[in-house]
Amino acid sequence: MTQTIQHGGNLHEAARRYAIPYDAWLDLSTGINPHGYPVPPVPADAWRRLPDNGDGFTERAARYYGAPDASHVLPVAGSQAAIRALPRLLRHGTVGIAPLTYGEYAPAFARAGHRVTTLDVTRSALPDDITHAVVVNPNNPTAEHLRAATLLQWHETLSERGGTLIIDEAFADAMPAGSLAAQTHREALVVLRSPGKFFGLAGVRAGFVLACPSLLGSLDETLGAWTVSGPARHAVSAAFADTAWQQNMRAQLADESARLVALLSARGFVVHSTPLFAWIADARAAQLHDALARHGIWTRFFAEPASVRFGLPATESEWARFETCLQQAMTAL
């Protein structure tokens, strides 16, 4: 039997396990922006008509992400669809993946017949046996961020080997300066983007693959027609066009991230963070996760290394509740 991959947001499971009603929980288990983009009303045609590739959706995504042009962008039904399909389109080889990162990549490559090995992202050079590499940048959950120069050097190495570098930039919108979206004219470079995290639109299940047109053509044929629904296209297009909201939100998230880091640091934790989440590795992580859950606060626990990821509270009352429960949880450790 295939083992289910665990993700944050599994609040119904938490409610059953701790016998706390679903609506009573404060969910900090994901890195999704709690201040989601205020989507304008969906026009009736978005429900009635099939999605139309002539609607400018791909062009808007290319402009927002800074891709070379629309031919280098493929809308998909969330990054998950691409993660499952891409390994089958790459020649068999050894793929390097960080030991603690987004958990869908390793199984997807293994199912497609690739050998999966551990990638040490602290090394400046790639091991000789790696054909492909997957880098989540910034990494989920460790918040590690690799420099563009390092990634481009790795891409050159892999390209010479006939391999591919896949960069998952799901959390890059809040810190876009390090994105490699503009470099996707290069063969054997794939960048995955998602409006779900920064815009708080995870429910629309939309994502984008940025790469050379030849690879995108094969991926498009594999995934089939109408991968992104009309209402999702409407919501994401509005979010991409609202540059004032984007600017204000980046500033707000930076402030809230600093607040979260200060809150955890004051309790003695070493904190690694992005603007959307904070991560601590600590021998007491399991006990802390459990103690907070008993107060109705759901976080994301990782067993190896023992660690916890915290998303951002949405309101002042949620911040106050989190601070109070965190203090109470610390006394139980």
C-alpha atoms as a PDB file:
ATOM      1  CA  MET A   1       0.000   0.000   0.000  1.00  0.00           C
ATOM      2  CA  THR A   2       1.319   3.463  -0.911  1.00  0.00           C
ATOM      3  CA  GLN A   3       2.058   5.576   2.145  1.00  0.00           C
ATOM      4  CA  THR A   4       0.108   8.825   2.288  1.00  0.00           C
ATOM      5  CA  ILE A   5       2.307  11.910   2.121  1.00  0.00           C
ATOM      6  CA  GLN A   6       1.612  14.245   5.021  1.00  0.00           C
ATOM      7  CA  HIS A   7       0.997  17.957   4.492  1.00  0.00           C
ATOM      8  CA  GLY A   8      -0.085  20.867   6.613  1.00  0.00           C
ATOM      9  CA  GLY A   9      -3.726  21.898   6.697  1.00  0.00           C
ATOM     10  CA  ASN A  10      -5.000  18.460   7.764  1.00  0.00           C
ATOM     11  CA  LEU A  11      -7.213  20.048  10.398  1.00  0.00           C
ATOM     12  CA  HIS A  12      -9.945  17.407  10.404  1.00  0.00           C
ATOM     13  CA  GLU A  13      -7.317  14.864  11.441  1.00  0.00           C
ATOM     14  CA  ALA A  14      -6.231  17.126  14.302  1.00  0.00           C
ATOM     15  CA  ALA A  15      -9.848  17.611  15.412  1.00  0.00           C
ATOM     16  CA  ARG A  16     -10.386  13.845  15.589  1.00  0.00           C
ATOM     17  CA  ARG A  17      -7.107  13.121  17.313  1.00  0.00           C
ATOM     18  CA  TYR A  18      -7.460  15.735  20.045  1.00  0.00           C
ATOM     19  CA  ALA A  19     -11.282  15.742  20.328  1.00  0.00           C
ATOM     20  CA  ILE A  20     -11.404  19.506  19.776  1.00  0.00           C
ATOM     21  CA  PRO A  21     -14.134  20.795  17.393  1.00  0.00           C
ATOM     22  CA  TYR A  22     -12.879  21.757  13.948  1.00  0.00           C
ATOM     23  CA  ASP A  23     -14.046  25.359  14.240  1.00  0.00           C
ATOM     24  CA  ALA A  24     -12.178  25.832  17.528  1.00  0.00           C
ATOM     25  CA  TRP A  25      -8.721  25.401  16.019  1.00  0.00           C
ATOM     26  CA  LEU A  26      -6.136  28.018  15.117  1.00  0.00           C
ATOM     27  CA  ASP A  27      -4.433  26.519  12.069  1.00  0.00           C
ATOM     28  CA  LEU A  28      -0.783  27.537  11.748  1.00  0.00           C
ATOM     29  CA  SER A  29       0.222  24.325   9.973  1.00  0.00           C
ATOM     30  CA  THR A  30       0.679  25.789   6.482  1.00  0.00           C
ATOM     31  CA  GLY A  31       2.688  28.620   4.993  1.00  0.00           C
ATOM     32  CA  ILE A  32      -0.336  30.047   3.205  1.00  0.00           C
ATOM     33  CA  ASN A  33      -0.877  33.779   3.602  1.00  0.00           C
ATOM     34  CA  PRO A  34      -3.745  34.195   6.113  1.00  0.00           C
ATOM     35  CA  HIS A  35      -4.609  37.559   4.516  1.00  0.00           C
ATOM     36  CA  GLY A  36      -5.831  36.112   1.231  1.00  0.00           C
ATOM     37  CA  TYR A  37      -6.318  38.254  -1.838  1.00  0.00           C
ATOM     38  CA  PRO A  38      -9.885  39.700  -1.962  1.00  0.00           C
ATOM     39  CA  VAL A  39     -11.076  38.110  -5.197  1.00  0.00           C
ATOM     40  CA  PRO A  40     -13.662  40.236  -7.034  1.00  0.00           C
ATOM     41  CA  PRO A  41     -17.017  38.637  -7.958  1.00  0.00           C
ATOM     42  CA  VAL A  42     -16.699  35.898 -10.545  1.00  0.00           C
ATOM     43  CA  PRO A  43     -18.392  36.795 -13.851  1.00  0.00           C
ATOM     44  CA  ALA A  44     -21.081  34.392 -15.001  1.00  0.00           C
ATOM     45  CA  ASP A  45     -19.160  33.466 -18.149  1.00  0.00           C
ATOM     46  CA  ALA A  46     -16.350  32.040 -16.025  1.00  0.00           C
ATOM     47  CA  TRP A  47     -18.803  29.379 -14.855  1.00  0.00           C
ATOM     48  CA  ARG A  48     -20.628  28.808 -18.135  1.00  0.00           C
ATOM     49  CA  ARG A  49     -17.775  28.651 -20.634  1.00  0.00           C
ATOM     50  CA  LEU A  50     -14.842  26.298 -21.005  1.00  0.00           C
ATOM     51  CA  PRO A  51     -11.494  27.965 -20.204  1.00  0.00           C
ATOM     52  CA  ASP A  52     -10.165  29.719 -23.289  1.00  0.00           C
ATOM     53  CA  ASN A  53      -6.433  29.877 -23.935  1.00  0.00           C
ATOM     54  CA  GLY A  54      -6.986  33.115 -25.838  1.00  0.00           C
ATOM     55  CA  ASP A  55      -8.058  34.964 -22.688  1.00  0.00           C
ATOM     56  CA  GLY A  56      -4.582  36.402 -21.961  1.00  0.00           C
ATOM     57  CA  PHE A  57      -4.126  34.344 -18.788  1.00  0.00           C
ATOM     58  CA  THR A  58      -0.748  32.939 -19.791  1.00  0.00           C
ATOM     59  CA  GLU A  59       0.479  36.372 -20.926  1.00  0.00           C
ATOM     60  CA  ARG A  60      -0.497  37.891 -17.564  1.00  0.00           C
ATOM     61  CA  ALA A  61       1.406  35.159 -15.750  1.00  0.00           C
ATOM     62  CA  ALA A  62       4.491  35.731 -17.919  1.00  0.00           C
ATOM     63  CA  ARG A  63       4.460  39.441 -17.071  1.00  0.00           C
ATOM     64  CA  TYR A  64       3.915  38.875 -13.359  1.00  0.00           C
ATOM     65  CA  TYR A  65       6.656  36.260 -13.005  1.00  0.00           C
ATOM     66  CA  GLY A  66       9.070  37.938 -15.402  1.00  0.00           C
ATOM     67  CA  ALA A  67       9.291  34.972 -17.790  1.00  0.00           C
ATOM     68  CA  PRO A  68      10.852  35.586 -21.224  1.00  0.00           C
ATOM     69  CA  ASP A  69       7.391  35.474 -22.852  1.00  0.00           C
ATOM     70  CA  ALA A  70       4.116  33.528 -22.759  1.00  0.00           C
ATOM     71  CA  SER A  71       5.579  30.615 -24.725  1.00  0.00           C
ATOM     72  CA  HIS A  72       7.686  29.841 -21.650  1.00  0.00           C
ATOM     73  CA  VAL A  73       4.671  29.555 -19.314  1.00  0.00           C
ATOM     74  CA  LEU A  74       2.195  26.693 -18.914  1.00  0.00           C
ATOM     75  CA  PRO A  75      -0.769  27.048 -16.509  1.00  0.00           C
ATOM     76  CA  VAL A  76      -1.471  23.830 -14.592  1.00  0.00           C
ATOM     77  CA  ALA A  77      -3.908  22.632 -11.935  1.00  0.00           C
ATOM     78  CA  GLY A  78      -1.579  23.553  -9.090  1.00  0.00           C
ATOM     79  CA  SER A  79       2.124  22.721  -8.967  1.00  0.00           C
ATOM     80  CA  GLN A  80       1.142  19.243  -7.824  1.00  0.00           C
ATOM     81  CA  ALA A  81       0.047  18.271 -11.339  1.00  0.00           C
ATOM     82  CA  ALA A  82       3.450  19.204 -12.735  1.00  0.00           C
ATOM     83  CA  ILE A  83       5.341  17.490  -9.915  1.00  0.00           C
ATOM     84  CA  ARG A  84       3.591  14.220 -10.753  1.00  0.00           C
ATOM     85  CA  ALA A  85       4.046  14.520 -14.521  1.00  0.00           C
ATOM     86  CA  LEU A  86       7.503  16.040 -15.023  1.00  0.00           C
ATOM     87  CA  PRO A  87       9.593  13.045 -13.881  1.00  0.00           C
ATOM     88  CA  ARG A  88       8.054  10.906 -16.633  1.00  0.00           C
ATOM     89  CA  LEU A  89       9.228  13.416 -19.244  1.00  0.00           C
ATOM     90  CA  LEU A  90      12.885  13.426 -18.159  1.00  0.00           C
ATOM     91  CA  ARG A  91      15.405  10.759 -19.108  1.00  0.00           C
ATOM     92  CA  HIS A  92      16.018   8.207 -16.380  1.00  0.00           C
ATOM     93  CA  GLY A  93      18.824   9.077 -14.034  1.00  0.00           C
ATOM     94  CA  THR A  94      19.677   9.977 -10.464  1.00  0.00           C
ATOM     95  CA  VAL A  95      17.796  12.914  -8.970  1.00  0.00           C
ATOM     96  CA  GLY A  96      19.166  14.825  -6.002  1.00  0.00           C
ATOM     97  CA  ILE A  97      16.611  16.148  -3.505  1.00  0.00           C
ATOM     98  CA  ALA A  98      17.234  17.778  -0.124  1.00  0.00           C
ATOM     99  CA  PRO A  99      16.545  15.442   2.821  1.00  0.00           C
ATOM    100  CA  LEU A 100      13.904  17.767   4.303  1.00  0.00           C
ATOM    101  CA  THR A 101      11.867  19.551   1.664  1.00  0.00           C
ATOM    102  CA  TYR A 102       8.439  19.368   0.017  1.00  0.00           C
ATOM    103  CA  GLY A 103       7.543  15.699   0.301  1.00  0.00           C
ATOM    104  CA  GLU A 104       5.919  15.068  -3.099  1.00  0.00           C
ATOM    105  CA  TYR A 105       9.071  15.171  -5.211  1.00  0.00           C
ATOM    106  CA  ALA A 106      10.913  12.042  -4.119  1.00  0.00           C
ATOM    107  CA  PRO A 107       7.916   9.680  -4.560  1.00  0.00           C
ATOM    108  CA  ALA A 108       7.076  11.197  -7.942  1.00  0.00           C
ATOM    109  CA  PHE A 109      10.579  10.622  -9.283  1.00  0.00           C
ATOM    110  CA  ALA A 110      10.764   7.141  -7.770  1.00  0.00           C
ATOM    111  CA  ARG A 111       7.456   6.146  -9.390  1.00  0.00           C
ATOM    112  CA  ALA A 112       8.824   7.285 -12.751  1.00  0.00           C
ATOM    113  CA  GLY A 113      11.837   4.989 -12.404  1.00  0.00           C
ATOM    114  CA  HIS A 114      14.486   7.474 -11.303  1.00  0.00           C
ATOM    115  CA  ARG A 115      16.969   6.810  -8.520  1.00  0.00           C
ATOM    116  CA  VAL A 116      16.487   9.319  -5.710  1.00  0.00           C
ATOM    117  CA  THR A 117      19.448  10.423  -3.629  1.00  0.00           C
ATOM    118  CA  THR A 118      20.086  13.059  -0.977  1.00  0.00           C
ATOM    119  CA  LEU A 119      21.225  16.467  -2.182  1.00  0.00           C
ATOM    120  CA  ASP A 120      23.410  18.446   0.203  1.00  0.00           C
ATOM    121  CA  VAL A 121      22.461  22.021  -0.657  1.00  0.00           C
ATOM    122  CA  THR A 122      25.305  23.413   1.464  1.00  0.00           C
ATOM    123  CA  ARG A 123      27.854  22.150  -1.092  1.00  0.00           C
ATOM    124  CA  SER A 124      28.913  24.490  -3.860  1.00  0.00           C
ATOM    125  CA  ALA A 125      29.322  21.706  -6.412  1.00  0.00           C
ATOM    126  CA  LEU A 126      27.008  18.869  -7.346  1.00  0.00           C
ATOM    127  CA  PRO A 127      28.114  15.238  -6.886  1.00  0.00           C
ATOM    128  CA  ASP A 128      29.197  13.492 -10.082  1.00  0.00           C
ATOM    129  CA  ASP A 129      26.395  10.931 -10.024  1.00  0.00           C
ATOM    130  CA  ILE A 130      23.457  13.387 -10.037  1.00  0.00           C
ATOM    131  CA  THR A 131      21.587  13.749 -13.328  1.00  0.00           C
ATOM    132  CA  HIS A 132      18.682  15.927 -12.196  1.00  0.00           C
ATOM    133  CA  ALA A 133      18.191  18.094  -9.120  1.00  0.00           C
ATOM    134  CA  VAL A 134      15.145  19.511  -7.373  1.00  0.00           C
ATOM    135  CA  VAL A 135      15.535  22.636  -5.259  1.00  0.00           C
ATOM    136  CA  VAL A 136      12.690  24.290  -3.351  1.00  0.00           C
ATOM    137  CA  ASN A 137      13.820  27.910  -3.042  1.00  0.00           C
ATOM    138  CA  PRO A 138      13.195  29.182  -0.421  1.00  0.00           C
ATOM    139  CA  ASN A 139      12.988  25.712   1.017  1.00  0.00           C
ATOM    140  CA  ASN A 140       9.867  24.383   2.683  1.00  0.00           C
ATOM    141  CA  PRO A 141      10.140  23.934   5.653  1.00  0.00           C
ATOM    142  CA  THR A 142      13.738  24.902   6.525  1.00  0.00           C
ATOM    143  CA  ALA A 143      13.527  28.392   4.929  1.00  0.00           C
ATOM    144  CA  GLU A 144      16.983  27.937   3.372  1.00  0.00           C
ATOM    145  CA  HIS A 145      17.471  30.188   0.344  1.00  0.00           C
ATOM    146  CA  LEU A 146      20.089  29.480  -2.317  1.00  0.00           C
ATOM    147  CA  ARG A 147      21.700  32.238  -4.334  1.00  0.00           C
ATOM    148  CA  ALA A 148      20.803  32.561  -8.001  1.00  0.00           C
ATOM    149  CA  ALA A 149      24.477  32.299  -8.960  1.00  0.00           C
ATOM    150  CA  THR A 150      24.763  28.909  -7.247  1.00  0.00           C
ATOM    151  CA  LEU A 151      21.626  27.602  -8.940  1.00  0.00           C
ATOM    152  CA  LEU A 152      22.762  28.758 -12.369  1.00  0.00           C
ATOM    153  CA  GLN A 153      26.099  27.038 -11.839  1.00  0.00           C
ATOM    154  CA  TRP A 154      24.260  23.828 -10.934  1.00  0.00           C
ATOM    155  CA  HIS A 155      22.047  24.218 -13.988  1.00  0.00           C
ATOM    156  CA  GLU A 156      25.093  24.483 -16.239  1.00  0.00           C
ATOM    157  CA  THR A 157      26.575  21.332 -14.701  1.00  0.00           C
ATOM    158  CA  LEU A 158      23.352  19.340 -15.062  1.00  0.00           C
ATOM    159  CA  SER A 159      22.757  20.570 -18.584  1.00  0.00           C
ATOM    160  CA  GLU A 160      26.185  19.305 -19.612  1.00  0.00           C
ATOM    161  CA  ARG A 161      25.197  15.907 -18.196  1.00  0.00           C
ATOM    162  CA  GLY A 162      21.939  15.861 -20.136  1.00  0.00           C
ATOM    163  CA  GLY A 163      19.981  16.515 -16.961  1.00  0.00           C
ATOM    164  CA  THR A 164      17.541  19.113 -15.657  1.00  0.00           C
ATOM    165  CA  LEU A 165      17.338  21.509 -12.733  1.00  0.00           C
ATOM    166  CA  ILE A 166      13.848  21.967 -11.271  1.00  0.00           C
ATOM    167  CA  ILE A 167      13.365  24.937  -8.963  1.00  0.00           C
ATOM    168  CA  ASP A 168      10.172  25.153  -6.931  1.00  0.00           C
ATOM    169  CA  GLU A 169       9.545  28.814  -6.107  1.00  0.00           C
ATOM    170  CA  ALA A 170       6.180  28.345  -4.379  1.00  0.00           C
ATOM    171  CA  PHE A 171       7.213  30.760  -1.606  1.00  0.00           C
ATOM    172  CA  ALA A 172       9.179  33.214  -3.769  1.00  0.00           C
ATOM    173  CA  ASP A 173       6.435  35.808  -4.338  1.00  0.00           C
ATOM    174  CA  ALA A 174       7.081  37.456  -0.994  1.00  0.00           C
ATOM    175  CA  MET A 175      10.789  37.779  -1.851  1.00  0.00           C
ATOM    176  CA  PRO A 176      10.900  37.794  -5.668  1.00  0.00           C
ATOM    177  CA  ALA A 177      14.370  39.234  -6.237  1.00  0.00           C
ATOM    178  CA  GLY A 178      16.015  35.799  -6.190  1.00  0.00           C
ATOM    179  CA  SER A 179      13.674  34.175  -8.711  1.00  0.00           C
ATOM    180  CA  LEU A 180      15.058  32.454 -11.798  1.00  0.00           C
ATOM    181  CA  ALA A 181      11.846  32.901 -13.773  1.00  0.00           C
ATOM    182  CA  ALA A 182      13.591  35.260 -16.192  1.00  0.00           C
ATOM    183  CA  GLN A 183      16.195  32.575 -16.931  1.00  0.00           C
ATOM    184  CA  THR A 184      13.748  29.978 -18.237  1.00  0.00           C
ATOM    185  CA  HIS A 185      14.835  30.541 -21.828  1.00  0.00           C
ATOM    186  CA  ARG A 186      17.624  28.144 -20.857  1.00  0.00           C
ATOM    187  CA  GLU A 187      17.191  24.504 -21.831  1.00  0.00           C
ATOM    188  CA  ALA A 188      16.979  22.051 -18.919  1.00  0.00           C
ATOM    189  CA  LEU A 189      15.778  24.682 -16.429  1.00  0.00           C
ATOM    190  CA  VAL A 190      12.280  24.389 -14.984  1.00  0.00           C
ATOM    191  CA  VAL A 191      10.745  26.841 -12.509  1.00  0.00           C
ATOM    192  CA  LEU A 192       7.474  26.072 -10.736  1.00  0.00           C
ATOM    193  CA  ARG A 193       5.373  28.926  -9.382  1.00  0.00           C
ATOM    194  CA  SER A 194       2.142  28.995  -7.403  1.00  0.00           C
ATOM    195  CA  PRO A 195      -0.234  31.831  -6.494  1.00  0.00           C
ATOM    196  CA  GLY A 196      -1.555  29.749  -3.611  1.00  0.00           C
ATOM    197  CA  LYS A 197       0.932  30.781  -0.927  1.00  0.00           C
ATOM    198  CA  PHE A 198       1.545  34.539  -1.253  1.00  0.00           C
ATOM    199  CA  PHE A 199      -1.925  35.403  -2.513  1.00  0.00           C
ATOM    200  CA  GLY A 200      -3.632  32.995  -0.124  1.00  0.00           C
ATOM    201  CA  LEU A 201      -5.411  31.323  -3.045  1.00  0.00           C
ATOM    202  CA  ALA A 202      -4.480  27.690  -2.440  1.00  0.00           C
ATOM    203  CA  GLY A 203      -8.078  26.629  -3.006  1.00  0.00           C
ATOM    204  CA  VAL A 204      -8.129  27.687  -6.661  1.00  0.00           C
ATOM    205  CA  ARG A 205      -5.575  24.935  -7.477  1.00  0.00           C
ATOM    206  CA  ALA A 206      -3.663  26.916 -10.064  1.00  0.00           C
ATOM    207  CA  GLY A 207       0.037  26.876 -10.752  1.00  0.00           C
ATOM    208  CA  PHE A 208       2.547  27.599 -13.502  1.00  0.00           C
ATOM    209  CA  VAL A 209       5.462  25.787 -15.063  1.00  0.00           C
ATOM    210  CA  LEU A 210       8.114  28.056 -16.584  1.00  0.00           C
ATOM    211  CA  ALA A 211      10.492  26.377 -19.026  1.00  0.00           C
ATOM    212  CA  CYS A 212      11.469  26.103 -22.680  1.00  0.00           C
ATOM    213  CA  PRO A 213       8.532  25.653 -25.091  1.00  0.00           C
ATOM    214  CA  SER A 214       9.613  22.163 -26.159  1.00  0.00           C
ATOM    215  CA  LEU A 215       9.322  20.755 -22.634  1.00  0.00           C
ATOM    216  CA  LEU A 216       6.113  22.678 -21.975  1.00  0.00           C
ATOM    217  CA  GLY A 217       4.613  21.211 -25.146  1.00  0.00           C
ATOM    218  CA  SER A 218       5.272  17.679 -23.913  1.00  0.00           C
ATOM    219  CA  LEU A 219       3.896  18.523 -20.475  1.00  0.00           C
ATOM    220  CA  ASP A 220       0.812  20.154 -21.963  1.00  0.00           C
ATOM    221  CA  GLU A 221       0.120  17.044 -24.033  1.00  0.00           C
ATOM    222  CA  THR A 222       0.521  14.867 -20.937  1.00  0.00           C
ATOM    223  CA  LEU A 223      -1.816  16.929 -18.748  1.00  0.00           C
ATOM    224  CA  GLY A 224      -4.490  17.579 -21.365  1.00  0.00           C
ATOM    225  CA  ALA A 225      -6.912  20.442 -21.927  1.00  0.00           C
ATOM    226  CA  TRP A 226      -8.578  22.850 -19.474  1.00  0.00           C
ATOM    227  CA  THR A 227      -6.196  22.337 -16.564  1.00  0.00           C
ATOM    228  CA  VAL A 228      -7.139  25.633 -14.872  1.00  0.00           C
ATOM    229  CA  SER A 229     -10.824  26.471 -14.402  1.00  0.00           C
ATOM    230  CA  GLY A 230     -12.491  29.700 -15.494  1.00  0.00           C
ATOM    231  CA  PRO A 231     -13.131  30.948 -11.930  1.00  0.00           C
ATOM    232  CA  ALA A 232      -9.513  30.185 -10.997  1.00  0.00           C
ATOM    233  CA  ARG A 233      -8.249  32.123 -14.016  1.00  0.00           C
ATOM    234  CA  HIS A 234     -10.426  35.069 -13.000  1.00  0.00           C
ATOM    235  CA  ALA A 235      -9.149  35.052  -9.390  1.00  0.00           C
ATOM    236  CA  VAL A 236      -5.470  34.712 -10.281  1.00  0.00           C
ATOM    237  CA  SER A 237      -5.641  37.305 -13.065  1.00  0.00           C
ATOM    238  CA  ALA A 238      -7.099  39.853 -10.653  1.00  0.00           C
ATOM    239  CA  ALA A 239      -4.372  39.099  -8.119  1.00  0.00           C
ATOM    240  CA  PHE A 240      -1.601  39.435 -10.705  1.00  0.00           C
ATOM    241  CA  ALA A 241      -2.920  42.828 -11.814  1.00  0.00           C
ATOM    242  CA  ASP A 242      -3.168  44.326  -8.319  1.00  0.00           C
ATOM    243  CA  THR A 243       0.357  45.658  -7.858  1.00  0.00           C
ATOM    244  CA  ALA A 244      -0.636  47.936  -4.969  1.00  0.00           C
ATOM    245  CA  TRP A 245      -1.960  44.958  -2.992  1.00  0.00           C
ATOM    246  CA  GLN A 246       1.222  43.024  -3.734  1.00  0.00           C
ATOM    247  CA  GLN A 247       3.488  45.830  -2.538  1.00  0.00           C
ATOM    248  CA  ASN A 248       1.506  46.430   0.644  1.00  0.00           C
ATOM    249  CA  MET A 249       1.277  42.718   1.388  1.00  0.00           C
ATOM    250  CA  ARG A 250       5.022  42.156   1.053  1.00  0.00           C
ATOM    251  CA  ALA A 251       5.616  44.884   3.630  1.00  0.00           C
ATOM    252  CA  GLN A 252       2.935  43.492   5.946  1.00  0.00           C
ATOM    253  CA  LEU A 253       4.276  39.956   5.749  1.00  0.00           C
ATOM    254  CA  ALA A 254       7.808  41.146   6.468  1.00  0.00           C
ATOM    255  CA  ASP A 255       6.564  42.835   9.644  1.00  0.00           C
ATOM    256  CA  GLU A 256       4.508  39.830  10.735  1.00  0.00           C
ATOM    257  CA  SER A 257       7.334  37.411  10.017  1.00  0.00           C
ATOM    258  CA  ALA A 258       9.666  39.502  12.198  1.00  0.00           C
ATOM    259  CA  ARG A 259       7.031  39.409  14.931  1.00  0.00           C
ATOM    260  CA  LEU A 260       6.794  35.617  14.736  1.00  0.00           C
ATOM    261  CA  VAL A 261      10.570  35.229  14.801  1.00  0.00           C
ATOM    262  CA  ALA A 262      10.819  37.515  17.845  1.00  0.00           C
ATOM    263  CA  LEU A 263       8.092  35.565  19.634  1.00  0.00           C
ATOM    264  CA  LEU A 264       9.856  32.240  19.128  1.00  0.00           C
ATOM    265  CA  SER A 265      13.367  33.594  19.718  1.00  0.00           C
ATOM    266  CA  ALA A 266      12.279  35.014  23.068  1.00  0.00           C
ATOM    267  CA  ARG A 267      11.519  31.430  24.149  1.00  0.00           C
ATOM    268  CA  GLY A 268      15.067  30.359  23.332  1.00  0.00           C
ATOM    269  CA  PHE A 269      14.500  28.804  19.906  1.00  0.00           C
ATOM    270  CA  VAL A 270      16.842  29.231  16.942  1.00  0.00           C
ATOM    271  CA  VAL A 271      14.487  30.368  14.198  1.00  0.00           C
ATOM    272  CA  HIS A 272      14.756  30.140  10.415  1.00  0.00           C
ATOM    273  CA  SER A 273      12.113  32.014   8.480  1.00  0.00           C
ATOM    274  CA  THR A 274      10.606  33.269   5.253  1.00  0.00           C
ATOM    275  CA  PRO A 275       7.974  36.025   5.165  1.00  0.00           C
ATOM    276  CA  LEU A 276       5.267  33.309   5.315  1.00  0.00           C
ATOM    277  CA  PHE A 277       6.491  30.822   7.919  1.00  0.00           C
ATOM    278  CA  ALA A 278       9.069  30.113  10.613  1.00  0.00           C
ATOM    279  CA  TRP A 279      10.832  26.829  11.348  1.00  0.00           C
ATOM    280  CA  ILE A 280      12.632  25.590  14.453  1.00  0.00           C
ATOM    281  CA  ALA A 281      14.669  22.406  14.865  1.00  0.00           C
ATOM    282  CA  ASP A 282      14.651  21.352  18.510  1.00  0.00           C
ATOM    283  CA  ALA A 283      14.794  18.105  20.469  1.00  0.00           C
ATOM    284  CA  ARG A 284      11.516  19.133  22.141  1.00  0.00           C
ATOM    285  CA  ALA A 285       9.699  19.647  18.846  1.00  0.00           C
ATOM    286  CA  ALA A 286       7.285  16.719  19.207  1.00  0.00           C
ATOM    287  CA  GLN A 287       6.346  17.747  22.738  1.00  0.00           C
ATOM    288  CA  LEU A 288       5.863  21.361  21.674  1.00  0.00           C
ATOM    289  CA  HIS A 289       3.688  20.377  18.713  1.00  0.00           C
ATOM    290  CA  ASP A 290       1.567  18.152  20.975  1.00  0.00           C
ATOM    291  CA  ALA A 291       1.292  20.725  23.757  1.00  0.00           C
ATOM    292  CA  LEU A 292       0.106  23.410  21.341  1.00  0.00           C
ATOM    293  CA  ALA A 293      -2.371  20.984  19.779  1.00  0.00           C
ATOM    294  CA  ARG A 294      -3.892  20.334  23.191  1.00  0.00           C
ATOM    295  CA  HIS A 295      -4.627  24.073  23.247  1.00  0.00           C
ATOM    296  CA  GLY A 296      -6.230  23.894  19.789  1.00  0.00           C
ATOM    297  CA  ILE A 297      -3.262  25.302  17.856  1.00  0.00           C
ATOM    298  CA  TRP A 298      -2.185  23.175  14.910  1.00  0.00           C
ATOM    299  CA  THR A 299       1.406  23.345  13.664  1.00  0.00           C
ATOM    300  CA  ARG A 300       3.412  21.198  11.238  1.00  0.00           C
ATOM    301  CA  PHE A 301       5.679  18.642  12.897  1.00  0.00           C
ATOM    302  CA  PHE A 302       8.631  16.954  11.179  1.00  0.00           C
ATOM    303  CA  ALA A 303      10.276  13.899  12.689  1.00  0.00           C
ATOM    304  CA  GLU A 304      13.702  14.072  11.037  1.00  0.00           C
ATOM    305  CA  PRO A 305      15.128  16.317  12.184  1.00  0.00           C
ATOM    306  CA  ALA A 306      12.691  16.935  15.031  1.00  0.00           C
ATOM    307  CA  SER A 307      11.245  20.312  14.103  1.00  0.00           C
ATOM    308  CA  VAL A 308       8.120  22.439  13.867  1.00  0.00           C
ATOM    309  CA  ARG A 309       6.933  24.901  11.214  1.00  0.00           C
ATOM    310  CA  PHE A 310       4.685  27.808  12.184  1.00  0.00           C
ATOM    311  CA  GLY A 311       2.512  29.828   9.828  1.00  0.00           C
ATOM    312  CA  LEU A 312       1.295  33.352  10.556  1.00  0.00           C
ATOM    313  CA  PRO A 313      -1.750  34.159  12.695  1.00  0.00           C
ATOM    314  CA  ALA A 314      -4.291  36.297  10.856  1.00  0.00           C
ATOM    315  CA  THR A 315      -5.639  38.678  13.507  1.00  0.00           C
ATOM    316  CA  GLU A 316      -4.580  40.340  16.735  1.00  0.00           C
ATOM    317  CA  SER A 317      -6.794  37.966  18.692  1.00  0.00           C
ATOM    318  CA  GLU A 318      -5.067  35.014  17.020  1.00  0.00           C
ATOM    319  CA  TRP A 319      -1.650  36.462  17.821  1.00  0.00           C
ATOM    320  CA  ALA A 320      -2.677  36.905  21.471  1.00  0.00           C
ATOM    321  CA  ARG A 321      -4.031  33.359  21.627  1.00  0.00           C
ATOM    322  CA  PHE A 322      -0.875  31.948  20.076  1.00  0.00           C
ATOM    323  CA  GLU A 323       1.417  33.841  22.450  1.00  0.00           C
ATOM    324  CA  THR A 324      -0.596  32.756  25.495  1.00  0.00           C
ATOM    325  CA  CYS A 325      -0.757  29.109  24.420  1.00  0.00           C
ATOM    326  CA  LEU A 326       2.898  29.061  23.439  1.00  0.00           C
ATOM    327  CA  GLN A 327       3.837  30.254  26.909  1.00  0.00           C
ATOM    328  CA  GLN A 328       1.617  27.604  28.469  1.00  0.00           C
ATOM    329  CA  ALA A 329       3.035  24.943  26.185  1.00  0.00           C
ATOM    330  CA  MET A 330       6.593  25.882  27.153  1.00  0.00           C
ATOM    331  CA  THR A 331       5.842  25.170  30.792  1.00  0.00           C
ATOM    332  CA  ALA A 332       4.805  21.628  29.846  1.00  0.00           C
ATOM    333  CA  LEU A 333       8.077  20.808  28.066  1.00  0.00           C
END
